[in-house]
Amino acid sequence: MQHTDTVRESEVTDNLLGNTLPAPIIAQLKNNQPGLITAYGTVLFADVVSFTVFSGTVSALELVELLNHMFTLFDSLA
């Protein structure tokens, strides 16, 4: 059963990545290549604590404004 769950989780991850990233980037991720900097730009993975709960408490506009602010700060630090 554990193997089936792992395969299912892998398929879900692949589908999510396929919806958001170009195939060459996905291949780099799967090969554990650090520092993904390509012609597409830099890929940043971030986890916002309690994001799902928070996103249900604000309007879509407020959420986008917050994310824009956060990523603008990340850009300025980079």
PDB file of N, CA and C in Angstrom:
ATOM      1  N   MET A   1       0.824  -1.201   0.000  1.00  0.00           N
ATOM      2  CA  MET A   1       0.000   0.000   0.000  1.00  0.00           C
ATOM      3  C   MET A   1       0.865   1.261   0.000  1.00  0.00           C
ATOM      4  N   GLN A   2       1.970   1.246   0.729  1.00  0.00           N
ATOM      5  CA  GLN A   2       2.832   2.423   0.827  1.00  0.00           C
ATOM      6  C   GLN A   2       3.414   2.772  -0.550  1.00  0.00           C
ATOM      7  N   HIS A   3       3.798   1.741  -1.319  1.00  0.00           N
ATOM      8  CA  HIS A   3       4.336   1.978  -2.658  1.00  0.00           C
ATOM      9  C   HIS A   3       3.297   2.664  -3.542  1.00  0.00           C
ATOM     10  N   THR A   4       2.059   2.212  -3.461  1.00  0.00           N
ATOM     11  CA  THR A   4       0.972   2.805  -4.246  1.00  0.00           C
ATOM     12  C   THR A   4       0.777   4.264  -3.880  1.00  0.00           C
ATOM     13  N   ASP A   5       0.834   4.577  -2.588  1.00  0.00           N
ATOM     14  CA  ASP A   5       0.699   5.967  -2.143  1.00  0.00           C
ATOM     15  C   ASP A   5       1.842   6.820  -2.675  1.00  0.00           C
ATOM     16  N   THR A   6       3.053   6.273  -2.649  1.00  0.00           N
ATOM     17  CA  THR A   6       4.216   7.012  -3.136  1.00  0.00           C
ATOM     18  C   THR A   6       4.093   7.293  -4.628  1.00  0.00           C
ATOM     19  N   VAL A   7       3.661   6.301  -5.385  1.00  0.00           N
ATOM     20  CA  VAL A   7       3.471   6.482  -6.830  1.00  0.00           C
ATOM     21  C   VAL A   7       2.411   7.531  -7.085  1.00  0.00           C
ATOM     22  N   ARG A   8       1.316   7.475  -6.349  1.00  0.00           N
ATOM     23  CA  ARG A   8       0.223   8.441  -6.509  1.00  0.00           C
ATOM     24  C   ARG A   8       0.714   9.859  -6.187  1.00  0.00           C
ATOM     25  N   GLU A   9       1.471  10.017  -5.119  1.00  0.00           N
ATOM     26  CA  GLU A   9       1.999  11.334  -4.751  1.00  0.00           C
ATOM     27  C   GLU A   9       2.947  11.842  -5.822  1.00  0.00           C
ATOM     28  N   SER A  10       3.751  10.952  -6.382  1.00  0.00           N
ATOM     29  CA  SER A  10       4.671  11.341  -7.448  1.00  0.00           C
ATOM     30  C   SER A  10       3.906  11.824  -8.676  1.00  0.00           C
ATOM     31  N   GLU A  11       2.829  11.143  -9.013  1.00  0.00           N
ATOM     32  CA  GLU A  11       2.003  11.554 -10.156  1.00  0.00           C
ATOM     33  C   GLU A  11       1.370  12.916  -9.925  1.00  0.00           C
ATOM     34  N   VAL A  12       0.892  13.165  -8.719  1.00  0.00           N
ATOM     35  CA  VAL A  12       0.302  14.464  -8.384  1.00  0.00           C
ATOM     36  C   VAL A  12       1.350  15.557  -8.512  1.00  0.00           C
ATOM     37  N   THR A  13       2.536  15.308  -7.984  1.00  0.00           N
ATOM     38  CA  THR A  13       3.630  16.282  -8.064  1.00  0.00           C
ATOM     39  C   THR A  13       3.990  16.566  -9.514  1.00  0.00           C
ATOM     40  N   ASP A  14       4.117  15.505 -10.315  1.00  0.00           N
ATOM     41  CA  ASP A  14       4.440  15.688 -11.733  1.00  0.00           C
ATOM     42  C   ASP A  14       3.385  16.528 -12.439  1.00  0.00           C
ATOM     43  N   ASN A  15       2.110  16.286 -12.137  1.00  0.00           N
ATOM     44  CA  ASN A  15       1.041  17.067 -12.759  1.00  0.00           C
ATOM     45  C   ASN A  15       1.105  18.531 -12.355  1.00  0.00           C
ATOM     46  N   LEU A  16       1.368  18.789 -11.084  1.00  0.00           N
ATOM     47  CA  LEU A  16       1.475  20.174 -10.615  1.00  0.00           C
ATOM     48  C   LEU A  16       2.646  20.885 -11.270  1.00  0.00           C
ATOM     49  N   LEU A  17       3.784  20.216 -11.315  1.00  0.00           N
ATOM     50  CA  LEU A  17       4.952  20.820 -11.952  1.00  0.00           C
ATOM     51  C   LEU A  17       4.692  21.069 -13.434  1.00  0.00           C
ATOM     52  N   GLY A  18       4.043  20.109 -14.089  1.00  0.00           N
ATOM     53  CA  GLY A  18       3.751  20.248 -15.511  1.00  0.00           C
ATOM     54  C   GLY A  18       2.825  21.403 -15.822  1.00  0.00           C
ATOM     55  N   ASN A  19       2.024  21.799 -14.853  1.00  0.00           N
ATOM     56  CA  ASN A  19       1.115  22.930 -15.041  1.00  0.00           C
ATOM     57  C   ASN A  19       1.798  24.274 -14.858  1.00  0.00           C
ATOM     58  N   THR A  20       2.992  24.274 -14.255  1.00  0.00           N
ATOM     59  CA  THR A  20       3.597  25.554 -13.911  1.00  0.00           C
ATOM     60  C   THR A  20       4.995  25.784 -14.467  1.00  0.00           C
ATOM     61  N   LEU A  21       5.700  24.711 -14.841  1.00  0.00           N
ATOM     62  CA  LEU A  21       7.087  24.867 -15.252  1.00  0.00           C
ATOM     63  C   LEU A  21       7.343  24.224 -16.614  1.00  0.00           C
ATOM     64  N   PRO A  22       8.301  24.767 -17.368  1.00  0.00           N
ATOM     65  CA  PRO A  22       8.694  24.141 -18.639  1.00  0.00           C
ATOM     66  C   PRO A  22       9.372  22.782 -18.389  1.00  0.00           C
ATOM     67  N   ALA A  23       9.244  21.889 -19.349  1.00  0.00           N
ATOM     68  CA  ALA A  23       9.794  20.524 -19.221  1.00  0.00           C
ATOM     69  C   ALA A  23      11.278  20.491 -18.864  1.00  0.00           C
ATOM     70  N   PRO A  24      12.140  21.352 -19.443  1.00  0.00           N
ATOM     71  CA  PRO A  24      13.565  21.290 -19.074  1.00  0.00           C
ATOM     72  C   PRO A  24      13.811  21.590 -17.588  1.00  0.00           C
ATOM     73  N   ILE A  25      13.007  22.462 -17.026  1.00  0.00           N
ATOM     74  CA  ILE A  25      13.139  22.785 -15.603  1.00  0.00           C
ATOM     75  C   ILE A  25      12.698  21.597 -14.763  1.00  0.00           C
ATOM     76  N   ILE A  26      11.610  20.949 -15.152  1.00  0.00           N
ATOM     77  CA  ILE A  26      11.135  19.774 -14.421  1.00  0.00           C
ATOM     78  C   ILE A  26      12.213  18.692 -14.429  1.00  0.00           C
ATOM     79  N   ALA A  27      12.863  18.500 -15.582  1.00  0.00           N
ATOM     80  CA  ALA A  27      13.927  17.489 -15.672  1.00  0.00           C
ATOM     81  C   ALA A  27      15.070  17.823 -14.717  1.00  0.00           C
ATOM     82  N   GLN A  28      15.440  19.103 -14.622  1.00  0.00           N
ATOM     83  CA  GLN A  28      16.499  19.516 -13.701  1.00  0.00           C
ATOM     84  C   GLN A  28      16.098  19.249 -12.263  1.00  0.00           C
ATOM     85  N   LEU A  29      14.852  19.535 -11.933  1.00  0.00           N
ATOM     86  CA  LEU A  29      14.373  19.293 -10.572  1.00  0.00           C
ATOM     87  C   LEU A  29      14.437  17.812 -10.229  1.00  0.00           C
ATOM     88  N   LYS A  30      14.010  16.979 -11.162  1.00  0.00           N
ATOM     89  CA  LYS A  30      13.997  15.538 -10.910  1.00  0.00           C
ATOM     90  C   LYS A  30      15.410  14.971 -10.774  1.00  0.00           C
ATOM     91  N   ASN A  31      16.377  15.640 -11.383  1.00  0.00           N
ATOM     92  CA  ASN A  31      17.766  15.194 -11.285  1.00  0.00           C
ATOM     93  C   ASN A  31      18.509  15.876 -10.144  1.00  0.00           C
ATOM     94  N   ASN A  32      17.746  16.552  -9.276  1.00  0.00           N
ATOM     95  CA  ASN A  32      18.321  17.218  -8.094  1.00  0.00           C
ATOM     96  C   ASN A  32      19.451  18.180  -8.437  1.00  0.00           C
ATOM     97  N   GLN A  33      19.278  18.922  -9.510  1.00  0.00           N
ATOM     98  CA  GLN A  33      20.287  19.896  -9.888  1.00  0.00           C
ATOM     99  C   GLN A  33      20.015  21.198  -9.134  1.00  0.00           C
ATOM    100  N   PRO A  34      20.904  21.561  -8.229  1.00  0.00           N
ATOM    101  CA  PRO A  34      20.686  22.784  -7.436  1.00  0.00           C
ATOM    102  C   PRO A  34      20.891  24.045  -8.274  1.00  0.00           C
ATOM    103  N   GLY A  35      20.347  25.118  -7.784  1.00  0.00           N
ATOM    104  CA  GLY A  35      20.573  26.417  -8.416  1.00  0.00           C
ATOM    105  C   GLY A  35      19.974  26.505  -9.801  1.00  0.00           C
ATOM    106  N   LEU A  36      18.701  26.329  -9.909  1.00  0.00           N
ATOM    107  CA  LEU A  36      18.058  26.361 -11.214  1.00  0.00           C
ATOM    108  C   LEU A  36      18.028  27.777 -11.767  1.00  0.00           C
ATOM    109  N   ILE A  37      19.020  28.094 -12.571  1.00  0.00           N
ATOM    110  CA  ILE A  37      19.053  29.385 -13.238  1.00  0.00           C
ATOM    111  C   ILE A  37      19.205  29.077 -14.724  1.00  0.00           C
ATOM    112  N   THR A  38      18.223  29.432 -15.503  1.00  0.00           N
ATOM    113  CA  THR A  38      18.213  29.102 -16.922  1.00  0.00           C
ATOM    114  C   THR A  38      17.716  30.304 -17.703  1.00  0.00           C
ATOM    115  N   ALA A  39      17.471  30.059 -18.965  1.00  0.00           N
ATOM    116  CA  ALA A  39      16.916  31.122 -19.810  1.00  0.00           C
ATOM    117  C   ALA A  39      15.540  31.546 -19.331  1.00  0.00           C
ATOM    118  N   TYR A  40      14.896  30.699 -18.524  1.00  0.00           N
ATOM    119  CA  TYR A  40      13.565  31.027 -18.005  1.00  0.00           C
ATOM    120  C   TYR A  40      13.641  31.926 -16.782  1.00  0.00           C
ATOM    121  N   GLY A  41      14.805  32.031 -16.180  1.00  0.00           N
ATOM    122  CA  GLY A  41      14.964  32.808 -14.961  1.00  0.00           C
ATOM    123  C   GLY A  41      15.278  31.896 -13.790  1.00  0.00           C
ATOM    124  N   THR A  42      15.115  32.405 -12.603  1.00  0.00           N
ATOM    125  CA  THR A  42      15.391  31.638 -11.399  1.00  0.00           C
ATOM    126  C   THR A  42      14.095  31.077 -10.851  1.00  0.00           C
ATOM    127  N   VAL A  43      14.148  29.851 -10.389  1.00  0.00           N
ATOM    128  CA  VAL A  43      12.970  29.228  -9.809  1.00  0.00           C
ATOM    129  C   VAL A  43      13.100  29.290  -8.295  1.00  0.00           C
ATOM    130  N   LEU A  44      12.131  29.871  -7.644  1.00  0.00           N
ATOM    131  CA  LEU A  44      12.118  29.974  -6.193  1.00  0.00           C
ATOM    132  C   LEU A  44      10.951  29.160  -5.661  1.00  0.00           C
ATOM    133  N   PHE A  45      11.265  28.247  -4.750  1.00  0.00           N
ATOM    134  CA  PHE A  45      10.214  27.496  -4.077  1.00  0.00           C
ATOM    135  C   PHE A  45      10.109  28.043  -2.666  1.00  0.00           C
ATOM    136  N   ALA A  46       8.917  28.419  -2.286  1.00  0.00           N
ATOM    137  CA  ALA A  46       8.717  28.997  -0.961  1.00  0.00           C
ATOM    138  C   ALA A  46       7.483  28.380  -0.324  1.00  0.00           C
ATOM    139  N   ASP A  47       7.538  28.229   0.961  1.00  0.00           N
ATOM    140  CA  ASP A  47       6.395  27.710   1.704  1.00  0.00           C
ATOM    141  C   ASP A  47       5.972  28.788   2.687  1.00  0.00           C
ATOM    142  N   VAL A  48       4.754  29.235   2.563  1.00  0.00           N
ATOM    143  CA  VAL A  48       4.222  30.245   3.469  1.00  0.00           C
ATOM    144  C   VAL A  48       3.397  29.513   4.527  1.00  0.00           C
ATOM    145  N   VAL A  49       3.793  29.638   5.762  1.00  0.00           N
ATOM    146  CA  VAL A  49       3.112  28.947   6.857  1.00  0.00           C
ATOM    147  C   VAL A  49       1.646  29.376   6.913  1.00  0.00           C
ATOM    148  N   SER A  50       0.767  28.408   6.984  1.00  0.00           N
ATOM    149  CA  SER A  50      -0.685  28.613   7.078  1.00  0.00           C
ATOM    150  C   SER A  50      -1.268  29.370   5.893  1.00  0.00           C
ATOM    151  N   PHE A  51      -0.637  29.240   4.726  1.00  0.00           N
ATOM    152  CA  PHE A  51      -1.095  29.972   3.551  1.00  0.00           C
ATOM    153  C   PHE A  51      -2.527  29.620   3.172  1.00  0.00           C
ATOM    154  N   THR A  52      -2.850  28.331   3.194  1.00  0.00           N
ATOM    155  CA  THR A  52      -4.186  27.905   2.782  1.00  0.00           C
ATOM    156  C   THR A  52      -5.256  28.518   3.678  1.00  0.00           C
ATOM    157  N   VAL A  53      -5.021  28.484   4.974  1.00  0.00           N
ATOM    158  CA  VAL A  53      -5.983  29.070   5.913  1.00  0.00           C
ATOM    159  C   VAL A  53      -6.071  30.580   5.689  1.00  0.00           C
ATOM    160  N   PHE A  54      -4.916  31.227   5.594  1.00  0.00           N
ATOM    161  CA  PHE A  54      -4.888  32.677   5.406  1.00  0.00           C
ATOM    162  C   PHE A  54      -5.593  33.085   4.112  1.00  0.00           C
ATOM    163  N   SER A  55      -5.335  32.327   3.023  1.00  0.00           N
ATOM    164  CA  SER A  55      -5.911  32.706   1.734  1.00  0.00           C
ATOM    165  C   SER A  55      -7.435  32.652   1.737  1.00  0.00           C
ATOM    166  N   GLY A  56      -8.011  31.896   2.665  1.00  0.00           N
ATOM    167  CA  GLY A  56      -9.458  31.842   2.773  1.00  0.00           C
ATOM    168  C   GLY A  56     -10.052  32.978   3.575  1.00  0.00           C
ATOM    169  N   THR A  57      -9.195  33.814   4.148  1.00  0.00           N
ATOM    170  CA  THR A  57      -9.692  34.897   5.000  1.00  0.00           C
ATOM    171  C   THR A  57      -9.563  36.281   4.375  1.00  0.00           C
ATOM    172  N   VAL A  58      -8.941  36.365   3.194  1.00  0.00           N
ATOM    173  CA  VAL A  58      -8.755  37.670   2.540  1.00  0.00           C
ATOM    174  C   VAL A  58      -9.305  37.595   1.122  1.00  0.00           C
ATOM    175  N   SER A  59      -9.507  38.747   0.535  1.00  0.00           N
ATOM    176  CA  SER A  59      -9.991  38.779  -0.850  1.00  0.00           C
ATOM    177  C   SER A  59      -8.864  38.363  -1.795  1.00  0.00           C
ATOM    178  N   ALA A  60      -9.243  38.011  -3.014  1.00  0.00           N
ATOM    179  CA  ALA A  60      -8.251  37.630  -4.018  1.00  0.00           C
ATOM    180  C   ALA A  60      -7.279  38.784  -4.276  1.00  0.00           C
ATOM    181  N   LEU A  61      -7.783  39.996  -4.326  1.00  0.00           N
ATOM    182  CA  LEU A  61      -6.929  41.161  -4.563  1.00  0.00           C
ATOM    183  C   LEU A  61      -5.919  41.331  -3.433  1.00  0.00           C
ATOM    184  N   GLU A  62      -6.372  41.205  -2.193  1.00  0.00           N
ATOM    185  CA  GLU A  62      -5.461  41.333  -1.054  1.00  0.00           C
ATOM    186  C   GLU A  62      -4.390  40.239  -1.087  1.00  0.00           C
ATOM    187  N   LEU A  63      -4.785  39.044  -1.467  1.00  0.00           N
ATOM    188  CA  LEU A  63      -3.839  37.935  -1.527  1.00  0.00           C
ATOM    189  C   LEU A  63      -2.781  38.179  -2.596  1.00  0.00           C
ATOM    190  N   VAL A  64      -3.220  38.611  -3.771  1.00  0.00           N
ATOM    191  CA  VAL A  64      -2.266  38.897  -4.845  1.00  0.00           C
ATOM    192  C   VAL A  64      -1.341  40.042  -4.458  1.00  0.00           C
ATOM    193  N   GLU A  65      -1.872  41.065  -3.821  1.00  0.00           N
ATOM    194  CA  GLU A  65      -1.036  42.188  -3.374  1.00  0.00           C
ATOM    195  C   GLU A  65       0.006  41.728  -2.366  1.00  0.00           C
ATOM    196  N   LEU A  66      -0.387  40.858  -1.434  1.00  0.00           N
ATOM    197  CA  LEU A  66       0.553  40.336  -0.450  1.00  0.00           C
ATOM    198  C   LEU A  66       1.652  39.513  -1.124  1.00  0.00           C
ATOM    199  N   LEU A  67       1.250  38.621  -2.027  1.00  0.00           N
ATOM    200  CA  LEU A  67       2.244  37.800  -2.724  1.00  0.00           C
ATOM    201  C   LEU A  67       3.169  38.664  -3.572  1.00  0.00           C
ATOM    202  N   ASN A  68       2.616  39.669  -4.225  1.00  0.00           N
ATOM    203  CA  ASN A  68       3.449  40.584  -4.999  1.00  0.00           C
ATOM    204  C   ASN A  68       4.467  41.274  -4.104  1.00  0.00           C
ATOM    205  N   HIS A  69       4.031  41.709  -2.946  1.00  0.00           N
ATOM    206  CA  HIS A  69       4.937  42.367  -1.996  1.00  0.00           C
ATOM    207  C   HIS A  69       6.037  41.405  -1.538  1.00  0.00           C
ATOM    208  N   MET A  70       5.644  40.181  -1.209  1.00  0.00           N
ATOM    209  CA  MET A  70       6.619  39.199  -0.749  1.00  0.00           C
ATOM    210  C   MET A  70       7.669  38.911  -1.821  1.00  0.00           C
ATOM    211  N   PHE A  71       7.223  38.692  -3.052  1.00  0.00           N
ATOM    212  CA  PHE A  71       8.171  38.367  -4.108  1.00  0.00           C
ATOM    213  C   PHE A  71       8.990  39.569  -4.534  1.00  0.00           C
ATOM    214  N   THR A  72       8.447  40.765  -4.392  1.00  0.00           N
ATOM    215  CA  THR A  72       9.245  41.965  -4.635  1.00  0.00           C
ATOM    216  C   THR A  72      10.382  42.046  -3.622  1.00  0.00           C
ATOM    217  N   LEU A  73      10.093  41.701  -2.356  1.00  0.00           N
ATOM    218  CA  LEU A  73      11.152  41.671  -1.337  1.00  0.00           C
ATOM    219  C   LEU A  73      12.188  40.600  -1.658  1.00  0.00           C
ATOM    220  N   PHE A  74      11.728  39.423  -2.082  1.00  0.00           N
ATOM    221  CA  PHE A  74      12.682  38.370  -2.476  1.00  0.00           C
ATOM    222  C   PHE A  74      13.569  38.874  -3.619  1.00  0.00           C
ATOM    223  N   ASP A  75      12.966  39.525  -4.618  1.00  0.00           N
ATOM    224  CA  ASP A  75      13.735  40.043  -5.752  1.00  0.00           C
ATOM    225  C   ASP A  75      14.787  41.044  -5.298  1.00  0.00           C
ATOM    226  N   SER A  76      14.411  41.935  -4.390  1.00  0.00           N
ATOM    227  CA  SER A  76      15.375  42.944  -3.947  1.00  0.00           C
ATOM    228  C   SER A  76      16.513  42.303  -3.151  1.00  0.00           C
ATOM    229  N   LEU A  77      16.233  41.236  -2.423  1.00  0.00           N
ATOM    230  CA  LEU A  77      17.303  40.547  -1.706  1.00  0.00           C
ATOM    231  C   LEU A  77      18.235  39.785  -2.644  1.00  0.00           C
ATOM    232  N   ALA A  78      17.648  39.268  -3.714  1.00  0.00           N
ATOM    233  CA  ALA A  78      18.470  38.522  -4.695  1.00  0.00           C
ATOM    234  C   ALA A  78      19.310  39.475  -5.505  1.00  0.00           C
TER     235      ALA A  78
END
